[in-house]
Amino acid sequence: RLAAEIPEKLAAIAPVAGALFDSSPKPKGRVAVLMIHGLADTAVPYKGGDSQRERVQKRQSEPYKSLDYAARYWSGNNACRPVPIKSAAGNITREKYAGCSSGADVEVLTISDGLHSWPGGEKGREAADAPSNSISATDTIWEFFKAHKQN
């Protein structure tokens, strides 16, 4: 939401297992975006819709939009080419949108067996999903942020 409302104050964002809604505001400017999401996430489903977790459903006010929707939302806003360049390594698929305006790159990392957790991290609580060890979200995000410094 902050990226949409105050993009002039942010160089980049990197939501992990984040989602947009129909009510998400139209961006007022451009910001680089890296999205990381697990394909097997049931709390915030990759394909959108309602959470499959009772704990989340109680607080969910509207259906989540899909990760594909979020990629189109940001890549369209950032004037990127509409078709991403895809690559895969192990269970990670990277989609990079080229030709984005003013360095406002858009990338999507999908973890095929990823759940609702911080990749490369630790379980936040006993009942939490186990994190994928395929990548370190922290290191990946830091590299993305270093490449997208605000002027």
N, C-alpha and C. Protein backbone atom coordinates (compact mmCIF):
# COMPACT_ATOMS: atom_id res chain seq x y z
N ARG A 1 0.82 -1.19 0.00
CA ARG A 1 0.00 0.00 0.00
C ARG A 1 0.87 1.26 0.00
N LEU A 2 1.93 1.23 0.79
CA LEU A 2 2.81 2.40 0.82
C LEU A 2 3.43 2.66 -0.55
N ALA A 3 3.81 1.60 -1.25
CA ALA A 3 4.40 1.77 -2.58
C ALA A 3 3.42 2.44 -3.53
N ALA A 4 2.14 2.15 -3.39
CA ALA A 4 1.13 2.76 -4.25
C ALA A 4 0.87 4.21 -3.85
N GLU A 5 0.88 4.48 -2.54
CA GLU A 5 0.49 5.80 -2.07
C GLU A 5 1.63 6.81 -1.94
N ILE A 6 2.85 6.33 -1.63
CA ILE A 6 3.99 7.26 -1.50
C ILE A 6 5.22 6.72 -2.23
N PRO A 7 5.11 6.43 -3.52
CA PRO A 7 6.23 5.85 -4.25
C PRO A 7 7.46 6.75 -4.30
N GLU A 8 7.28 8.04 -4.16
CA GLU A 8 8.41 8.96 -4.20
C GLU A 8 9.32 8.80 -2.99
N LYS A 9 8.85 8.14 -1.96
CA LYS A 9 9.64 7.93 -0.75
C LYS A 9 10.28 6.55 -0.69
N LEU A 10 9.99 5.70 -1.67
CA LEU A 10 10.49 4.33 -1.68
C LEU A 10 11.21 4.03 -2.98
N ALA A 11 12.34 3.37 -2.88
CA ALA A 11 13.06 2.95 -4.09
C ALA A 11 12.57 1.59 -4.55
N ALA A 12 12.23 0.72 -3.59
CA ALA A 12 11.82 -0.64 -3.93
C ALA A 12 11.04 -1.24 -2.77
N ILE A 13 10.23 -2.24 -3.11
CA ILE A 13 9.52 -3.03 -2.11
C ILE A 13 9.73 -4.50 -2.44
N ALA A 14 9.53 -5.35 -1.44
CA ALA A 14 9.70 -6.79 -1.66
C ALA A 14 8.75 -7.58 -0.76
N PRO A 15 7.48 -7.66 -1.14
CA PRO A 15 6.55 -8.44 -0.33
C PRO A 15 6.85 -9.94 -0.43
N VAL A 16 6.76 -10.61 0.71
CA VAL A 16 6.89 -12.06 0.78
C VAL A 16 5.53 -12.58 1.20
N ALA A 17 4.92 -13.42 0.36
CA ALA A 17 3.58 -13.96 0.62
C ALA A 17 2.57 -12.83 0.82
N GLY A 18 2.74 -11.76 0.06
CA GLY A 18 1.83 -10.62 0.13
C GLY A 18 0.75 -10.75 -0.92
N ALA A 19 -0.25 -9.89 -0.83
CA ALA A 19 -1.35 -9.95 -1.79
C ALA A 19 -1.97 -8.58 -1.99
N LEU A 20 -2.63 -8.43 -3.11
CA LEU A 20 -3.43 -7.25 -3.41
C LEU A 20 -4.90 -7.62 -3.31
N PHE A 21 -5.73 -6.60 -3.27
CA PHE A 21 -7.18 -6.78 -3.22
C PHE A 21 -7.83 -5.92 -4.29
N ASP A 22 -9.11 -6.12 -4.55
CA ASP A 22 -9.82 -5.23 -5.46
C ASP A 22 -9.74 -3.79 -4.96
N SER A 23 -9.71 -3.62 -3.65
CA SER A 23 -9.69 -2.28 -3.06
C SER A 23 -8.29 -1.66 -2.99
N SER A 24 -7.27 -2.36 -3.47
CA SER A 24 -5.91 -1.81 -3.43
C SER A 24 -5.86 -0.53 -4.26
N PRO A 25 -5.21 0.52 -3.73
CA PRO A 25 -5.19 1.80 -4.45
C PRO A 25 -4.37 1.74 -5.74
N LYS A 26 -4.75 2.58 -6.68
CA LYS A 26 -3.98 2.71 -7.91
C LYS A 26 -2.68 3.42 -7.56
N PRO A 27 -1.54 2.89 -8.03
CA PRO A 27 -0.26 3.53 -7.71
C PRO A 27 -0.18 4.96 -8.24
N LYS A 28 0.43 5.82 -7.43
CA LYS A 28 0.61 7.23 -7.79
C LYS A 28 1.96 7.47 -8.45
N GLY A 29 2.73 6.43 -8.62
CA GLY A 29 4.05 6.54 -9.22
C GLY A 29 4.66 5.16 -9.38
N ARG A 30 5.95 5.14 -9.67
CA ARG A 30 6.63 3.87 -9.94
C ARG A 30 7.63 3.54 -8.85
N VAL A 31 7.71 2.26 -8.54
CA VAL A 31 8.66 1.75 -7.57
C VAL A 31 9.05 0.34 -8.00
N ALA A 32 10.31 -0.03 -7.80
CA ALA A 32 10.76 -1.39 -8.14
C ALA A 32 10.10 -2.38 -7.19
N VAL A 33 9.74 -3.55 -7.73
CA VAL A 33 9.02 -4.54 -6.93
C VAL A 33 9.61 -5.93 -7.15
N LEU A 34 9.91 -6.60 -6.04
CA LEU A 34 10.29 -8.01 -6.04
C LEU A 34 9.25 -8.73 -5.21
N MET A 35 8.56 -9.69 -5.80
CA MET A 35 7.56 -10.47 -5.07
C MET A 35 8.07 -11.90 -4.91
N ILE A 36 7.97 -12.42 -3.69
CA ILE A 36 8.37 -13.80 -3.40
C ILE A 36 7.16 -14.50 -2.81
N HIS A 37 6.80 -15.63 -3.41
CA HIS A 37 5.59 -16.31 -2.95
C HIS A 37 5.71 -17.81 -3.16
N GLY A 38 5.21 -18.56 -2.22
CA GLY A 38 5.18 -20.01 -2.33
C GLY A 38 3.94 -20.48 -3.06
N LEU A 39 4.12 -21.37 -4.00
CA LEU A 39 3.01 -21.90 -4.78
C LEU A 39 2.06 -22.73 -3.91
N ALA A 40 2.57 -23.31 -2.83
CA ALA A 40 1.77 -24.17 -1.95
C ALA A 40 1.21 -23.41 -0.74
N ASP A 41 1.29 -22.09 -0.75
CA ASP A 41 0.79 -21.27 0.36
C ASP A 41 -0.73 -21.40 0.44
N THR A 42 -1.25 -21.80 1.59
CA THR A 42 -2.70 -21.90 1.77
C THR A 42 -3.26 -20.73 2.57
N ALA A 43 -2.38 -19.96 3.24
CA ALA A 43 -2.84 -18.80 4.00
C ALA A 43 -3.17 -17.64 3.06
N VAL A 44 -2.27 -17.38 2.12
CA VAL A 44 -2.47 -16.36 1.07
C VAL A 44 -2.25 -17.10 -0.25
N PRO A 45 -3.31 -17.70 -0.80
CA PRO A 45 -3.15 -18.55 -1.98
C PRO A 45 -2.54 -17.84 -3.18
N TYR A 46 -1.60 -18.51 -3.82
CA TYR A 46 -0.89 -18.01 -5.00
C TYR A 46 -1.88 -17.59 -6.09
N LYS A 47 -2.93 -18.36 -6.27
CA LYS A 47 -3.91 -18.08 -7.32
C LYS A 47 -5.03 -17.16 -6.85
N GLY A 48 -4.91 -16.65 -5.64
CA GLY A 48 -5.90 -15.71 -5.13
C GLY A 48 -7.08 -16.41 -4.49
N GLY A 49 -8.07 -15.61 -4.12
CA GLY A 49 -9.26 -16.15 -3.48
C GLY A 49 -9.19 -16.03 -1.97
N ASP A 50 -9.96 -16.85 -1.31
CA ASP A 50 -10.01 -16.83 0.14
C ASP A 50 -8.94 -17.71 0.75
N SER A 51 -8.45 -17.29 1.91
CA SER A 51 -7.48 -18.09 2.63
C SER A 51 -8.11 -19.43 3.01
N GLN A 52 -7.29 -20.45 3.07
CA GLN A 52 -7.76 -21.76 3.50
C GLN A 52 -7.47 -21.98 4.98
N ARG A 53 -7.01 -20.93 5.64
CA ARG A 53 -6.69 -21.00 7.07
C ARG A 53 -7.75 -20.26 7.86
N GLU A 54 -8.39 -20.96 8.78
CA GLU A 54 -9.45 -20.37 9.58
C GLU A 54 -8.98 -19.11 10.30
N ARG A 55 -7.78 -19.15 10.80
CA ARG A 55 -7.21 -18.00 11.53
C ARG A 55 -7.16 -16.74 10.65
N VAL A 56 -6.86 -16.92 9.38
CA VAL A 56 -6.78 -15.79 8.44
C VAL A 56 -8.18 -15.42 7.96
N GLN A 57 -9.01 -16.43 7.68
CA GLN A 57 -10.37 -16.18 7.17
C GLN A 57 -11.15 -15.24 8.08
N LYS A 58 -10.96 -15.37 9.38
CA LYS A 58 -11.69 -14.54 10.35
C LYS A 58 -11.40 -13.05 10.15
N ARG A 59 -10.23 -12.74 9.63
CA ARG A 59 -9.83 -11.33 9.46
C ARG A 59 -9.85 -10.87 8.00
N GLN A 60 -10.06 -11.79 7.09
CA GLN A 60 -10.02 -11.45 5.67
C GLN A 60 -11.33 -10.77 5.28
N SER A 61 -11.23 -9.55 4.74
CA SER A 61 -12.42 -8.78 4.40
C SER A 61 -12.83 -8.92 2.93
N GLU A 62 -11.90 -9.35 2.08
CA GLU A 62 -12.21 -9.56 0.67
C GLU A 62 -11.22 -10.57 0.10
N PRO A 63 -11.54 -11.20 -1.02
CA PRO A 63 -10.63 -12.21 -1.59
C PRO A 63 -9.30 -11.60 -2.03
N TYR A 64 -8.25 -12.39 -1.90
CA TYR A 64 -6.94 -11.99 -2.39
C TYR A 64 -6.94 -12.05 -3.90
N LYS A 65 -6.19 -11.16 -4.53
CA LYS A 65 -5.94 -11.25 -5.96
C LYS A 65 -4.77 -12.22 -6.16
N SER A 66 -4.68 -12.80 -7.32
CA SER A 66 -3.61 -13.76 -7.61
C SER A 66 -2.26 -13.07 -7.74
N LEU A 67 -1.20 -13.86 -7.65
CA LEU A 67 0.14 -13.30 -7.83
C LEU A 67 0.31 -12.83 -9.28
N ASP A 68 -0.31 -13.52 -10.23
CA ASP A 68 -0.26 -13.06 -11.63
C ASP A 68 -0.90 -11.68 -11.75
N TYR A 69 -2.00 -11.46 -11.05
CA TYR A 69 -2.65 -10.14 -11.05
C TYR A 69 -1.68 -9.09 -10.50
N ALA A 70 -1.03 -9.41 -9.38
CA ALA A 70 -0.09 -8.46 -8.76
C ALA A 70 1.06 -8.14 -9.71
N ALA A 71 1.56 -9.15 -10.42
CA ALA A 71 2.64 -8.92 -11.37
C ALA A 71 2.18 -7.99 -12.50
N ARG A 72 0.97 -8.20 -13.00
CA ARG A 72 0.43 -7.32 -14.05
C ARG A 72 0.16 -5.91 -13.52
N TYR A 73 -0.32 -5.83 -12.28
CA TYR A 73 -0.60 -4.55 -11.62
C TYR A 73 0.67 -3.69 -11.58
N TRP A 74 1.78 -4.27 -11.11
CA TRP A 74 3.02 -3.51 -10.99
C TRP A 74 3.74 -3.35 -12.33
N SER A 75 3.79 -4.41 -13.14
CA SER A 75 4.51 -4.29 -14.41
C SER A 75 3.80 -3.31 -15.35
N GLY A 76 2.48 -3.29 -15.32
CA GLY A 76 1.73 -2.32 -16.12
C GLY A 76 1.95 -0.90 -15.62
N ASN A 77 1.91 -0.73 -14.32
CA ASN A 77 2.14 0.58 -13.73
C ASN A 77 3.54 1.09 -14.04
N ASN A 78 4.52 0.19 -14.05
CA ASN A 78 5.91 0.57 -14.25
C ASN A 78 6.33 0.57 -15.71
N ALA A 79 5.36 0.46 -16.61
CA ALA A 79 5.59 0.51 -18.06
C ALA A 79 6.58 -0.55 -18.54
N CYS A 80 6.50 -1.74 -17.95
CA CYS A 80 7.36 -2.87 -18.35
C CYS A 80 6.74 -3.56 -19.56
N ARG A 81 7.55 -4.36 -20.23
CA ARG A 81 7.00 -5.21 -21.29
C ARG A 81 6.04 -6.20 -20.64
N PRO A 82 4.94 -6.53 -21.31
CA PRO A 82 3.89 -7.34 -20.67
C PRO A 82 4.23 -8.81 -20.44
N VAL A 83 5.19 -9.33 -21.17
CA VAL A 83 5.53 -10.76 -21.03
C VAL A 83 6.88 -10.87 -20.34
N PRO A 84 6.92 -11.55 -19.20
CA PRO A 84 8.18 -11.65 -18.46
C PRO A 84 9.15 -12.64 -19.08
N ILE A 85 10.41 -12.47 -18.76
CA ILE A 85 11.46 -13.43 -19.12
C ILE A 85 11.51 -14.43 -17.97
N LYS A 86 11.28 -15.70 -18.29
CA LYS A 86 11.21 -16.72 -17.24
C LYS A 86 12.48 -17.57 -17.23
N SER A 87 12.89 -17.92 -16.02
CA SER A 87 13.99 -18.86 -15.85
C SER A 87 13.68 -19.70 -14.62
N ALA A 88 14.27 -20.88 -14.57
CA ALA A 88 14.02 -21.76 -13.43
C ALA A 88 15.32 -22.41 -12.99
N ALA A 89 15.43 -22.58 -11.67
CA ALA A 89 16.56 -23.28 -11.08
C ALA A 89 16.03 -24.03 -9.87
N GLY A 90 16.08 -25.34 -9.93
CA GLY A 90 15.52 -26.14 -8.84
C GLY A 90 14.03 -25.88 -8.74
N ASN A 91 13.56 -25.56 -7.55
CA ASN A 91 12.13 -25.31 -7.38
C ASN A 91 11.79 -23.81 -7.36
N ILE A 92 12.70 -22.98 -7.89
CA ILE A 92 12.48 -21.53 -7.97
C ILE A 92 12.27 -21.12 -9.43
N THR A 93 11.19 -20.43 -9.68
CA THR A 93 10.95 -19.84 -11.00
C THR A 93 11.03 -18.33 -10.84
N ARG A 94 11.83 -17.71 -11.69
CA ARG A 94 11.99 -16.24 -11.68
C ARG A 94 11.34 -15.69 -12.94
N GLU A 95 10.50 -14.69 -12.75
CA GLU A 95 9.89 -13.97 -13.86
C GLU A 95 10.35 -12.52 -13.75
N LYS A 96 11.07 -12.07 -14.75
CA LYS A 96 11.59 -10.71 -14.75
C LYS A 96 10.96 -9.93 -15.90
N TYR A 97 10.33 -8.83 -15.56
CA TYR A 97 9.71 -7.98 -16.56
C TYR A 97 10.74 -6.98 -17.04
N ALA A 98 10.98 -6.94 -18.33
CA ALA A 98 12.02 -6.10 -18.92
C ALA A 98 11.44 -4.76 -19.38
N GLY A 99 12.34 -3.82 -19.64
CA GLY A 99 11.97 -2.54 -20.22
C GLY A 99 11.19 -1.63 -19.30
N CYS A 100 11.26 -1.84 -18.02
CA CYS A 100 10.50 -1.02 -17.07
C CYS A 100 11.03 0.41 -17.05
N SER A 101 10.17 1.34 -16.76
CA SER A 101 10.51 2.75 -16.74
C SER A 101 11.36 3.12 -15.53
N SER A 102 12.36 3.92 -15.75
CA SER A 102 13.17 4.54 -14.69
C SER A 102 13.71 3.55 -13.65
N GLY A 103 14.10 2.35 -14.08
CA GLY A 103 14.66 1.37 -13.15
C GLY A 103 13.64 0.76 -12.21
N ALA A 104 12.37 0.94 -12.49
CA ALA A 104 11.31 0.38 -11.64
C ALA A 104 11.04 -1.06 -12.06
N ASP A 105 12.05 -1.90 -11.87
CA ASP A 105 11.97 -3.30 -12.28
C ASP A 105 10.90 -4.05 -11.49
N VAL A 106 10.37 -5.09 -12.13
CA VAL A 106 9.40 -5.97 -11.48
C VAL A 106 9.89 -7.40 -11.66
N GLU A 107 10.01 -8.11 -10.54
CA GLU A 107 10.42 -9.52 -10.57
C GLU A 107 9.52 -10.32 -9.66
N VAL A 108 9.27 -11.56 -10.06
CA VAL A 108 8.49 -12.50 -9.26
C VAL A 108 9.30 -13.77 -9.07
N LEU A 109 9.46 -14.18 -7.82
CA LEU A 109 10.10 -15.45 -7.51
C LEU A 109 9.05 -16.37 -6.92
N THR A 110 8.83 -17.49 -7.59
CA THR A 110 7.86 -18.48 -7.12
C THR A 110 8.62 -19.69 -6.62
N ILE A 111 8.29 -20.11 -5.42
CA ILE A 111 8.89 -21.30 -4.82
C ILE A 111 7.86 -22.41 -4.94
N SER A 112 8.12 -23.41 -5.78
CA SER A 112 7.11 -24.42 -6.11
C SER A 112 6.56 -25.14 -4.90
N ASP A 113 7.40 -25.44 -3.91
CA ASP A 113 6.89 -26.12 -2.71
C ASP A 113 6.82 -25.18 -1.51
N GLY A 114 6.91 -23.88 -1.77
CA GLY A 114 6.91 -22.89 -0.70
C GLY A 114 5.55 -22.72 -0.05
N LEU A 115 5.58 -22.60 1.26
CA LEU A 115 4.37 -22.40 2.05
C LEU A 115 4.31 -20.96 2.53
N HIS A 116 3.50 -20.68 3.53
CA HIS A 116 3.37 -19.33 4.07
C HIS A 116 4.44 -19.15 5.15
N SER A 117 5.64 -18.80 4.71
CA SER A 117 6.78 -18.69 5.61
C SER A 117 7.84 -17.79 4.98
N TRP A 118 8.86 -17.48 5.76
CA TRP A 118 9.97 -16.65 5.28
C TRP A 118 11.05 -17.57 4.74
N PRO A 119 11.24 -17.63 3.42
CA PRO A 119 12.24 -18.53 2.84
C PRO A 119 13.64 -18.29 3.42
N GLY A 120 14.27 -19.37 3.85
CA GLY A 120 15.60 -19.29 4.43
C GLY A 120 15.59 -18.90 5.89
N GLY A 121 14.42 -18.71 6.45
CA GLY A 121 14.30 -18.30 7.84
C GLY A 121 13.99 -19.47 8.75
N GLU A 122 13.40 -19.15 9.87
CA GLU A 122 13.00 -20.16 10.85
C GLU A 122 11.50 -20.07 11.05
N LYS A 123 10.92 -21.14 11.55
CA LYS A 123 9.49 -21.12 11.88
C LYS A 123 9.25 -20.05 12.93
N GLY A 124 8.22 -19.25 12.71
CA GLY A 124 7.91 -18.18 13.64
C GLY A 124 7.25 -18.65 14.92
N ARG A 125 6.60 -19.79 14.84
CA ARG A 125 5.94 -20.40 16.00
C ARG A 125 5.74 -21.88 15.70
N GLU A 126 5.39 -22.64 16.70
CA GLU A 126 5.28 -24.10 16.56
C GLU A 126 4.33 -24.51 15.43
N ALA A 127 3.18 -23.84 15.33
CA ALA A 127 2.19 -24.22 14.33
C ALA A 127 2.45 -23.62 12.95
N ALA A 128 3.50 -22.84 12.80
CA ALA A 128 3.79 -22.17 11.53
C ALA A 128 4.28 -23.16 10.48
N ASP A 129 4.16 -22.75 9.22
CA ASP A 129 4.69 -23.55 8.11
C ASP A 129 6.21 -23.55 8.16
N ALA A 130 6.80 -24.65 7.75
CA ALA A 130 8.26 -24.74 7.66
C ALA A 130 8.72 -23.90 6.46
N PRO A 131 9.76 -23.10 6.65
CA PRO A 131 10.26 -22.30 5.54
C PRO A 131 11.05 -23.13 4.52
N SER A 132 10.98 -22.70 3.29
CA SER A 132 11.79 -23.32 2.24
C SER A 132 13.25 -22.94 2.46
N ASN A 133 14.14 -23.85 2.14
CA ASN A 133 15.57 -23.56 2.21
C ASN A 133 16.16 -23.36 0.82
N SER A 134 15.30 -23.21 -0.19
CA SER A 134 15.75 -23.04 -1.57
C SER A 134 16.44 -21.71 -1.80
N ILE A 135 15.99 -20.69 -1.09
CA ILE A 135 16.60 -19.35 -1.18
C ILE A 135 16.53 -18.70 0.19
N SER A 136 17.30 -17.66 0.35
CA SER A 136 17.18 -16.81 1.53
C SER A 136 16.44 -15.55 1.08
N ALA A 137 15.23 -15.38 1.58
CA ALA A 137 14.47 -14.18 1.22
C ALA A 137 15.24 -12.93 1.66
N THR A 138 15.85 -12.99 2.82
CA THR A 138 16.58 -11.83 3.33
C THR A 138 17.71 -11.43 2.39
N ASP A 139 18.55 -12.38 1.99
CA ASP A 139 19.66 -12.08 1.10
C ASP A 139 19.18 -11.64 -0.28
N THR A 140 18.15 -12.30 -0.80
CA THR A 140 17.61 -11.98 -2.12
C THR A 140 17.03 -10.56 -2.14
N ILE A 141 16.29 -10.23 -1.11
CA ILE A 141 15.70 -8.90 -1.02
C ILE A 141 16.79 -7.83 -0.87
N TRP A 142 17.78 -8.11 -0.04
CA TRP A 142 18.86 -7.15 0.15
C TRP A 142 19.58 -6.86 -1.17
N GLU A 143 19.85 -7.90 -1.96
CA GLU A 143 20.50 -7.70 -3.26
C GLU A 143 19.61 -6.86 -4.18
N PHE A 144 18.31 -7.11 -4.17
CA PHE A 144 17.37 -6.34 -4.99
C PHE A 144 17.36 -4.88 -4.54
N PHE A 145 17.32 -4.66 -3.23
CA PHE A 145 17.31 -3.28 -2.71
C PHE A 145 18.62 -2.56 -3.05
N LYS A 146 19.74 -3.23 -2.93
CA LYS A 146 21.02 -2.58 -3.27
C LYS A 146 21.06 -2.17 -4.73
N ALA A 147 20.40 -2.92 -5.59
CA ALA A 147 20.38 -2.61 -7.02
C ALA A 147 19.37 -1.53 -7.37
N HIS A 148 18.53 -1.15 -6.40
CA HIS A 148 17.47 -0.17 -6.66
C HIS A 148 17.46 0.93 -5.61
N LYS A 149 18.59 1.57 -5.47
CA LYS A 149 18.70 2.66 -4.50
C LYS A 149 17.97 3.88 -5.00
N GLN A 150 17.40 4.60 -4.06
CA GLN A 150 16.72 5.84 -4.40
C GLN A 150 17.76 6.94 -4.64
N ASN A 151 17.55 7.73 -5.66
CA ASN A 151 18.48 8.81 -5.98
C ASN A 151 18.33 9.99 -5.06
